[in-house]
Amino acid sequence: MLAYRFDAKGGVEFLLITSRKRGRWTIPKGVVGLKLNSRATARIEAQEEAGISGRLSREPVGTYTHRKWYATCRVRVYLMQVTTQDAVWPERSMRDRKWFRAQGALEALERKSLRKLVKDALPKISRPVRGR
C-alpha cells in the first residue's frame, strides 16, 4: 500500500516505514488471508505496520514481486490517501515511519520496483481542491 498526503502547499508526500529485519525504507504490505481480499489486507497492514488509515484506491496502482518465507510473492499495491495517523500502533516498536516528499521517497527506497511504483503513482494522485 502506497500511503500519501498533501502538504500545506498541495505537494504530495509519501509515508514510508522501515523493514523489521534490515531497517530499509519500504511500504506496508502483507499476505492475503483465506477470508480477506487484497484491499482488506492493505487496510489491516496499513494500521498494523504504520498506524494509518484513509481512502484506499479501488484498483491497484501497480504490482511488484517480493521474496518472503522462501517464496516469491506478488504484491498488489493500492494508493491510500491518509486521513488518520495514530500516535500508537501495533508495530511502533519494530518500525520507524516517516513522511517524504516524492523525490525524497525515491531516494530513500532502495528497491527499483518500489521507486517505479512511486513514479507511476504520481500522475494518478488527484490534487486537493483549493478554497474558492
N, C-alpha and C. Protein backbone atom coordinates (compact mmCIF):
# COMPACT_ATOMS: atom_id res chain seq x y z
N MET A 1 0.85 -1.15 0.00
CA MET A 1 0.00 0.00 0.00
C MET A 1 0.90 1.22 0.00
N LEU A 2 0.63 2.15 -0.89
CA LEU A 2 1.42 3.36 -1.02
C LEU A 2 0.61 4.51 -0.42
N ALA A 3 1.03 4.93 0.77
CA ALA A 3 0.31 5.96 1.52
C ALA A 3 0.81 7.35 1.12
N TYR A 4 -0.15 8.28 0.95
CA TYR A 4 0.24 9.64 0.60
C TYR A 4 -0.67 10.65 1.29
N ARG A 5 -0.20 11.88 1.29
CA ARG A 5 -0.99 13.02 1.77
C ARG A 5 -0.50 14.24 1.01
N PHE A 6 -1.21 15.34 1.20
CA PHE A 6 -0.81 16.60 0.59
C PHE A 6 -0.26 17.52 1.67
N ASP A 7 0.84 18.20 1.36
CA ASP A 7 1.38 19.16 2.32
C ASP A 7 0.59 20.47 2.21
N ALA A 8 0.95 21.46 2.98
CA ALA A 8 0.22 22.73 3.03
C ALA A 8 0.19 23.45 1.68
N LYS A 9 1.17 23.18 0.82
CA LYS A 9 1.22 23.83 -0.49
C LYS A 9 0.62 22.97 -1.60
N GLY A 10 0.05 21.82 -1.22
CA GLY A 10 -0.57 20.95 -2.21
C GLY A 10 0.37 19.94 -2.83
N GLY A 11 1.61 19.87 -2.34
CA GLY A 11 2.57 18.88 -2.83
C GLY A 11 2.29 17.52 -2.23
N VAL A 12 2.71 16.48 -2.91
CA VAL A 12 2.48 15.11 -2.46
C VAL A 12 3.62 14.65 -1.56
N GLU A 13 3.25 14.00 -0.46
CA GLU A 13 4.21 13.35 0.42
C GLU A 13 3.81 11.88 0.55
N PHE A 14 4.82 11.01 0.64
CA PHE A 14 4.60 9.58 0.80
C PHE A 14 5.09 9.13 2.16
N LEU A 15 4.35 8.22 2.79
CA LEU A 15 4.75 7.66 4.07
C LEU A 15 5.48 6.35 3.82
N LEU A 16 6.70 6.26 4.31
CA LEU A 16 7.47 5.03 4.23
C LEU A 16 7.70 4.51 5.64
N ILE A 17 7.87 3.20 5.73
CA ILE A 17 8.18 2.56 7.00
C ILE A 17 9.47 1.77 6.83
N THR A 18 10.11 1.44 7.93
CA THR A 18 11.30 0.61 7.84
C THR A 18 10.91 -0.86 7.93
N SER A 19 11.70 -1.69 7.26
CA SER A 19 11.50 -3.13 7.38
C SER A 19 11.96 -3.56 8.76
N ARG A 20 11.42 -4.65 9.24
CA ARG A 20 11.76 -5.10 10.60
C ARG A 20 13.18 -5.65 10.69
N LYS A 21 13.63 -6.38 9.69
CA LYS A 21 14.94 -7.02 9.79
C LYS A 21 16.10 -6.10 9.45
N ARG A 22 16.03 -5.41 8.34
CA ARG A 22 17.18 -4.64 7.87
C ARG A 22 17.04 -3.13 8.05
N GLY A 23 15.86 -2.67 8.41
CA GLY A 23 15.66 -1.24 8.62
C GLY A 23 15.67 -0.42 7.35
N ARG A 24 15.39 -1.05 6.22
CA ARG A 24 15.32 -0.34 4.94
C ARG A 24 13.95 0.30 4.78
N TRP A 25 13.91 1.43 4.08
CA TRP A 25 12.63 2.09 3.83
C TRP A 25 11.85 1.28 2.82
N THR A 26 10.57 1.08 3.13
CA THR A 26 9.67 0.29 2.30
C THR A 26 8.25 0.79 2.48
N ILE A 27 7.28 0.02 2.01
CA ILE A 27 5.86 0.37 2.17
C ILE A 27 5.17 -0.76 2.93
N PRO A 28 4.03 -0.48 3.58
CA PRO A 28 3.29 -1.55 4.25
C PRO A 28 2.79 -2.59 3.25
N LYS A 29 2.94 -3.86 3.62
CA LYS A 29 2.45 -4.95 2.77
C LYS A 29 2.18 -6.16 3.66
N GLY A 30 1.38 -7.06 3.17
CA GLY A 30 1.07 -8.25 3.95
C GLY A 30 0.58 -9.37 3.07
N VAL A 31 0.34 -10.50 3.68
CA VAL A 31 -0.11 -11.68 2.97
C VAL A 31 -1.63 -11.76 3.04
N VAL A 32 -2.24 -11.96 1.89
CA VAL A 32 -3.70 -12.08 1.83
C VAL A 32 -4.11 -13.39 2.49
N GLY A 33 -5.04 -13.29 3.44
CA GLY A 33 -5.53 -14.48 4.14
C GLY A 33 -6.64 -15.17 3.37
N LEU A 34 -7.06 -16.29 3.88
CA LEU A 34 -8.11 -17.07 3.21
C LEU A 34 -9.43 -16.32 3.16
N LYS A 35 -9.73 -15.50 4.16
CA LYS A 35 -11.02 -14.82 4.22
C LYS A 35 -10.95 -13.34 3.84
N LEU A 36 -9.76 -12.86 3.45
CA LEU A 36 -9.60 -11.45 3.12
C LEU A 36 -9.15 -11.27 1.68
N ASN A 37 -9.62 -10.20 1.06
CA ASN A 37 -9.12 -9.87 -0.27
C ASN A 37 -7.93 -8.92 -0.12
N SER A 38 -7.30 -8.56 -1.21
CA SER A 38 -6.09 -7.74 -1.15
C SER A 38 -6.36 -6.33 -0.61
N ARG A 39 -7.52 -5.77 -0.88
CA ARG A 39 -7.84 -4.43 -0.35
C ARG A 39 -8.01 -4.47 1.16
N ALA A 40 -8.70 -5.48 1.66
CA ALA A 40 -8.88 -5.61 3.11
C ALA A 40 -7.53 -5.82 3.79
N THR A 41 -6.68 -6.64 3.18
CA THR A 41 -5.35 -6.86 3.73
C THR A 41 -4.55 -5.56 3.76
N ALA A 42 -4.64 -4.76 2.71
CA ALA A 42 -3.92 -3.48 2.66
C ALA A 42 -4.35 -2.57 3.81
N ARG A 43 -5.64 -2.51 4.08
CA ARG A 43 -6.13 -1.69 5.20
C ARG A 43 -5.58 -2.17 6.55
N ILE A 44 -5.60 -3.48 6.75
CA ILE A 44 -5.11 -4.04 8.01
C ILE A 44 -3.62 -3.78 8.18
N GLU A 45 -2.85 -4.03 7.13
CA GLU A 45 -1.40 -3.84 7.21
C GLU A 45 -1.04 -2.37 7.40
N ALA A 46 -1.79 -1.46 6.80
CA ALA A 46 -1.54 -0.03 6.99
C ALA A 46 -1.68 0.33 8.46
N GLN A 47 -2.70 -0.21 9.11
CA GLN A 47 -2.92 0.07 10.53
C GLN A 47 -1.86 -0.60 11.39
N GLU A 48 -1.59 -1.88 11.15
CA GLU A 48 -0.64 -2.61 11.99
C GLU A 48 0.79 -2.11 11.83
N GLU A 49 1.24 -1.90 10.58
CA GLU A 49 2.63 -1.56 10.33
C GLU A 49 2.93 -0.07 10.42
N ALA A 50 1.95 0.78 10.12
CA ALA A 50 2.22 2.23 10.09
C ALA A 50 1.27 3.06 10.94
N GLY A 51 0.20 2.47 11.47
CA GLY A 51 -0.74 3.23 12.29
C GLY A 51 -1.53 4.25 11.52
N ILE A 52 -1.89 3.92 10.28
CA ILE A 52 -2.61 4.86 9.43
C ILE A 52 -3.88 4.23 8.89
N SER A 53 -4.80 5.10 8.50
CA SER A 53 -5.99 4.70 7.77
C SER A 53 -6.36 5.83 6.82
N GLY A 54 -7.23 5.52 5.87
CA GLY A 54 -7.59 6.55 4.91
C GLY A 54 -8.39 5.99 3.76
N ARG A 55 -8.43 6.74 2.66
CA ARG A 55 -9.18 6.35 1.47
C ARG A 55 -8.29 5.50 0.57
N LEU A 56 -8.74 4.28 0.31
CA LEU A 56 -7.96 3.32 -0.47
C LEU A 56 -8.49 3.28 -1.90
N SER A 57 -7.57 3.24 -2.87
CA SER A 57 -7.99 3.16 -4.27
C SER A 57 -8.74 1.86 -4.54
N ARG A 58 -9.64 1.89 -5.50
CA ARG A 58 -10.42 0.69 -5.83
C ARG A 58 -9.54 -0.38 -6.48
N GLU A 59 -8.64 0.08 -7.33
CA GLU A 59 -7.77 -0.83 -8.08
C GLU A 59 -6.31 -0.60 -7.67
N PRO A 60 -5.47 -1.63 -7.81
CA PRO A 60 -4.05 -1.44 -7.50
C PRO A 60 -3.42 -0.41 -8.46
N VAL A 61 -2.45 0.31 -7.95
CA VAL A 61 -1.70 1.26 -8.76
C VAL A 61 -0.57 0.52 -9.49
N GLY A 62 -0.26 -0.67 -9.02
CA GLY A 62 0.78 -1.48 -9.64
C GLY A 62 1.06 -2.72 -8.82
N THR A 63 2.03 -3.50 -9.27
CA THR A 63 2.45 -4.70 -8.56
C THR A 63 3.96 -4.81 -8.59
N TYR A 64 4.50 -5.61 -7.68
CA TYR A 64 5.92 -5.97 -7.71
C TYR A 64 6.08 -7.30 -7.02
N THR A 65 7.24 -7.91 -7.16
CA THR A 65 7.48 -9.19 -6.51
C THR A 65 8.38 -8.98 -5.29
N HIS A 66 8.18 -9.85 -4.30
CA HIS A 66 8.88 -9.73 -3.02
C HIS A 66 9.17 -11.14 -2.51
N ARG A 67 10.40 -11.39 -2.08
CA ARG A 67 10.75 -12.71 -1.51
C ARG A 67 10.39 -12.72 -0.04
N LYS A 68 9.63 -13.73 0.36
CA LYS A 68 9.24 -13.88 1.76
C LYS A 68 9.01 -15.36 2.03
N TRP A 69 9.53 -15.83 3.16
CA TRP A 69 9.35 -17.22 3.56
C TRP A 69 9.75 -18.19 2.45
N TYR A 70 10.88 -17.94 1.82
CA TYR A 70 11.44 -18.82 0.79
C TYR A 70 10.56 -18.93 -0.45
N ALA A 71 9.73 -17.95 -0.67
CA ALA A 71 8.87 -17.93 -1.86
C ALA A 71 8.87 -16.53 -2.45
N THR A 72 8.46 -16.44 -3.69
CA THR A 72 8.31 -15.15 -4.33
C THR A 72 6.83 -14.79 -4.32
N CYS A 73 6.52 -13.66 -3.72
CA CYS A 73 5.13 -13.19 -3.61
C CYS A 73 4.91 -12.04 -4.58
N ARG A 74 3.73 -12.00 -5.15
CA ARG A 74 3.34 -10.87 -5.99
C ARG A 74 2.53 -9.92 -5.11
N VAL A 75 2.99 -8.69 -4.98
CA VAL A 75 2.36 -7.70 -4.11
C VAL A 75 1.54 -6.73 -4.96
N ARG A 76 0.24 -6.65 -4.65
CA ARG A 76 -0.63 -5.64 -5.28
C ARG A 76 -0.54 -4.39 -4.42
N VAL A 77 -0.27 -3.26 -5.06
CA VAL A 77 -0.09 -2.01 -4.31
C VAL A 77 -1.25 -1.07 -4.61
N TYR A 78 -1.94 -0.68 -3.54
CA TYR A 78 -3.04 0.27 -3.63
C TYR A 78 -2.56 1.63 -3.13
N LEU A 79 -3.17 2.68 -3.63
CA LEU A 79 -2.92 4.02 -3.10
C LEU A 79 -3.84 4.25 -1.91
N MET A 80 -3.32 4.88 -0.87
CA MET A 80 -4.15 5.27 0.26
C MET A 80 -3.88 6.74 0.58
N GLN A 81 -4.93 7.57 0.45
CA GLN A 81 -4.81 8.94 0.91
C GLN A 81 -5.07 8.90 2.42
N VAL A 82 -4.04 9.18 3.17
CA VAL A 82 -4.10 9.05 4.62
C VAL A 82 -4.98 10.15 5.22
N THR A 83 -5.92 9.73 6.07
CA THR A 83 -6.78 10.68 6.77
C THR A 83 -6.55 10.65 8.27
N THR A 84 -5.99 9.54 8.77
CA THR A 84 -5.74 9.38 10.20
C THR A 84 -4.37 8.75 10.41
N GLN A 85 -3.61 9.34 11.34
CA GLN A 85 -2.30 8.79 11.71
C GLN A 85 -2.26 8.68 13.22
N ASP A 86 -2.20 7.46 13.72
CA ASP A 86 -2.21 7.22 15.17
C ASP A 86 -0.82 7.43 15.76
N ALA A 87 -0.78 7.92 16.99
CA ALA A 87 0.48 8.07 17.72
C ALA A 87 0.96 6.71 18.24
N VAL A 88 0.02 5.82 18.47
CA VAL A 88 0.33 4.47 18.97
C VAL A 88 -0.26 3.47 17.98
N TRP A 89 0.56 2.49 17.56
CA TRP A 89 0.10 1.46 16.64
C TRP A 89 0.85 0.16 16.94
N PRO A 90 0.32 -0.99 16.49
CA PRO A 90 0.86 -2.28 16.90
C PRO A 90 2.36 -2.49 16.67
N GLU A 91 2.91 -2.05 15.54
CA GLU A 91 4.32 -2.34 15.25
C GLU A 91 5.25 -1.14 15.46
N ARG A 92 4.84 -0.19 16.28
CA ARG A 92 5.64 1.02 16.50
C ARG A 92 7.00 0.73 17.12
N SER A 93 7.11 -0.35 17.89
CA SER A 93 8.40 -0.68 18.50
C SER A 93 9.33 -1.41 17.53
N MET A 94 8.80 -1.84 16.38
CA MET A 94 9.59 -2.60 15.40
C MET A 94 9.96 -1.79 14.16
N ARG A 95 9.27 -0.68 13.95
CA ARG A 95 9.44 0.08 12.70
C ARG A 95 9.46 1.58 12.97
N ASP A 96 10.15 2.28 12.10
CA ASP A 96 10.05 3.74 12.05
C ASP A 96 9.13 4.08 10.90
N ARG A 97 8.54 5.25 10.95
CA ARG A 97 7.75 5.75 9.82
C ARG A 97 8.14 7.20 9.60
N LYS A 98 8.07 7.63 8.36
CA LYS A 98 8.47 9.00 8.03
C LYS A 98 7.80 9.43 6.73
N TRP A 99 7.38 10.71 6.72
CA TRP A 99 6.82 11.30 5.51
C TRP A 99 7.95 11.87 4.67
N PHE A 100 7.90 11.59 3.36
CA PHE A 100 8.89 12.08 2.41
C PHE A 100 8.19 12.79 1.26
N ARG A 101 8.77 13.88 0.79
CA ARG A 101 8.32 14.43 -0.49
C ARG A 101 8.67 13.38 -1.54
N ALA A 102 8.07 13.51 -2.72
CA ALA A 102 8.23 12.48 -3.75
C ALA A 102 9.71 12.19 -4.04
N GLN A 103 10.51 13.21 -4.25
CA GLN A 103 11.92 13.00 -4.57
C GLN A 103 12.65 12.32 -3.41
N GLY A 104 12.33 12.70 -2.20
CA GLY A 104 12.95 12.08 -1.03
C GLY A 104 12.58 10.61 -0.90
N ALA A 105 11.33 10.27 -1.23
CA ALA A 105 10.90 8.87 -1.20
C ALA A 105 11.67 8.07 -2.24
N LEU A 106 11.83 8.64 -3.42
CA LEU A 106 12.58 7.95 -4.48
C LEU A 106 14.03 7.70 -4.05
N GLU A 107 14.61 8.65 -3.35
CA GLU A 107 15.99 8.50 -2.88
C GLU A 107 16.10 7.51 -1.73
N ALA A 108 15.08 7.45 -0.87
CA ALA A 108 15.12 6.58 0.31
C ALA A 108 14.88 5.11 -0.05
N LEU A 109 14.07 4.86 -1.06
CA LEU A 109 13.73 3.48 -1.44
C LEU A 109 14.88 2.84 -2.21
N GLU A 110 15.38 1.73 -1.71
CA GLU A 110 16.47 1.02 -2.38
C GLU A 110 15.97 0.17 -3.54
N ARG A 111 14.78 -0.39 -3.37
CA ARG A 111 14.25 -1.30 -4.40
C ARG A 111 13.78 -0.53 -5.62
N LYS A 112 14.32 -0.90 -6.75
CA LYS A 112 13.97 -0.27 -8.02
C LYS A 112 12.47 -0.38 -8.31
N SER A 113 11.88 -1.54 -7.99
CA SER A 113 10.46 -1.75 -8.26
C SER A 113 9.59 -0.80 -7.43
N LEU A 114 9.99 -0.48 -6.21
CA LEU A 114 9.23 0.47 -5.39
C LEU A 114 9.39 1.89 -5.90
N ARG A 115 10.58 2.23 -6.35
CA ARG A 115 10.78 3.57 -6.94
C ARG A 115 9.90 3.74 -8.18
N LYS A 116 9.81 2.69 -8.98
CA LYS A 116 8.95 2.75 -10.17
C LYS A 116 7.49 2.96 -9.78
N LEU A 117 7.04 2.27 -8.73
CA LEU A 117 5.66 2.44 -8.26
C LEU A 117 5.38 3.88 -7.86
N VAL A 118 6.30 4.50 -7.15
CA VAL A 118 6.13 5.90 -6.74
C VAL A 118 6.04 6.79 -7.97
N LYS A 119 6.94 6.60 -8.92
CA LYS A 119 6.92 7.40 -10.15
C LYS A 119 5.61 7.22 -10.91
N ASP A 120 5.17 5.97 -11.03
CA ASP A 120 3.93 5.68 -11.76
C ASP A 120 2.70 6.21 -11.03
N ALA A 121 2.76 6.29 -9.70
CA ALA A 121 1.60 6.74 -8.92
C ALA A 121 1.39 8.24 -9.00
N LEU A 122 2.45 9.00 -9.12
CA LEU A 122 2.33 10.47 -9.07
C LEU A 122 1.27 11.04 -10.01
N PRO A 123 1.22 10.66 -11.28
CA PRO A 123 0.18 11.22 -12.16
C PRO A 123 -1.23 10.77 -11.82
N LYS A 124 -1.36 9.70 -11.04
CA LYS A 124 -2.69 9.16 -10.69
C LYS A 124 -3.27 9.78 -9.42
N ILE A 125 -2.47 10.57 -8.73
CA ILE A 125 -2.93 11.17 -7.48
C ILE A 125 -3.57 12.51 -7.80
N SER A 126 -4.84 12.65 -7.43
CA SER A 126 -5.57 13.89 -7.67
C SER A 126 -5.10 14.97 -6.70
N ARG A 127 -4.94 16.14 -7.21
CA ARG A 127 -4.55 17.28 -6.38
C ARG A 127 -5.71 17.71 -5.49
N PRO A 128 -5.41 18.23 -4.30
CA PRO A 128 -6.51 18.68 -3.44
C PRO A 128 -7.20 19.90 -4.03
N VAL A 129 -8.47 20.05 -3.72
CA VAL A 129 -9.24 21.19 -4.20
C VAL A 129 -8.92 22.38 -3.30
N ARG A 130 -8.53 23.46 -3.89
CA ARG A 130 -8.21 24.69 -3.14
C ARG A 130 -9.49 25.46 -2.83
N GLY A 131 -9.42 26.29 -1.79
CA GLY A 131 -10.56 27.13 -1.42
C GLY A 131 -10.96 28.06 -2.56
N ARG A 132 -12.22 28.46 -2.57
CA ARG A 132 -12.72 29.29 -3.68
C ARG A 132 -12.79 30.73 -3.30
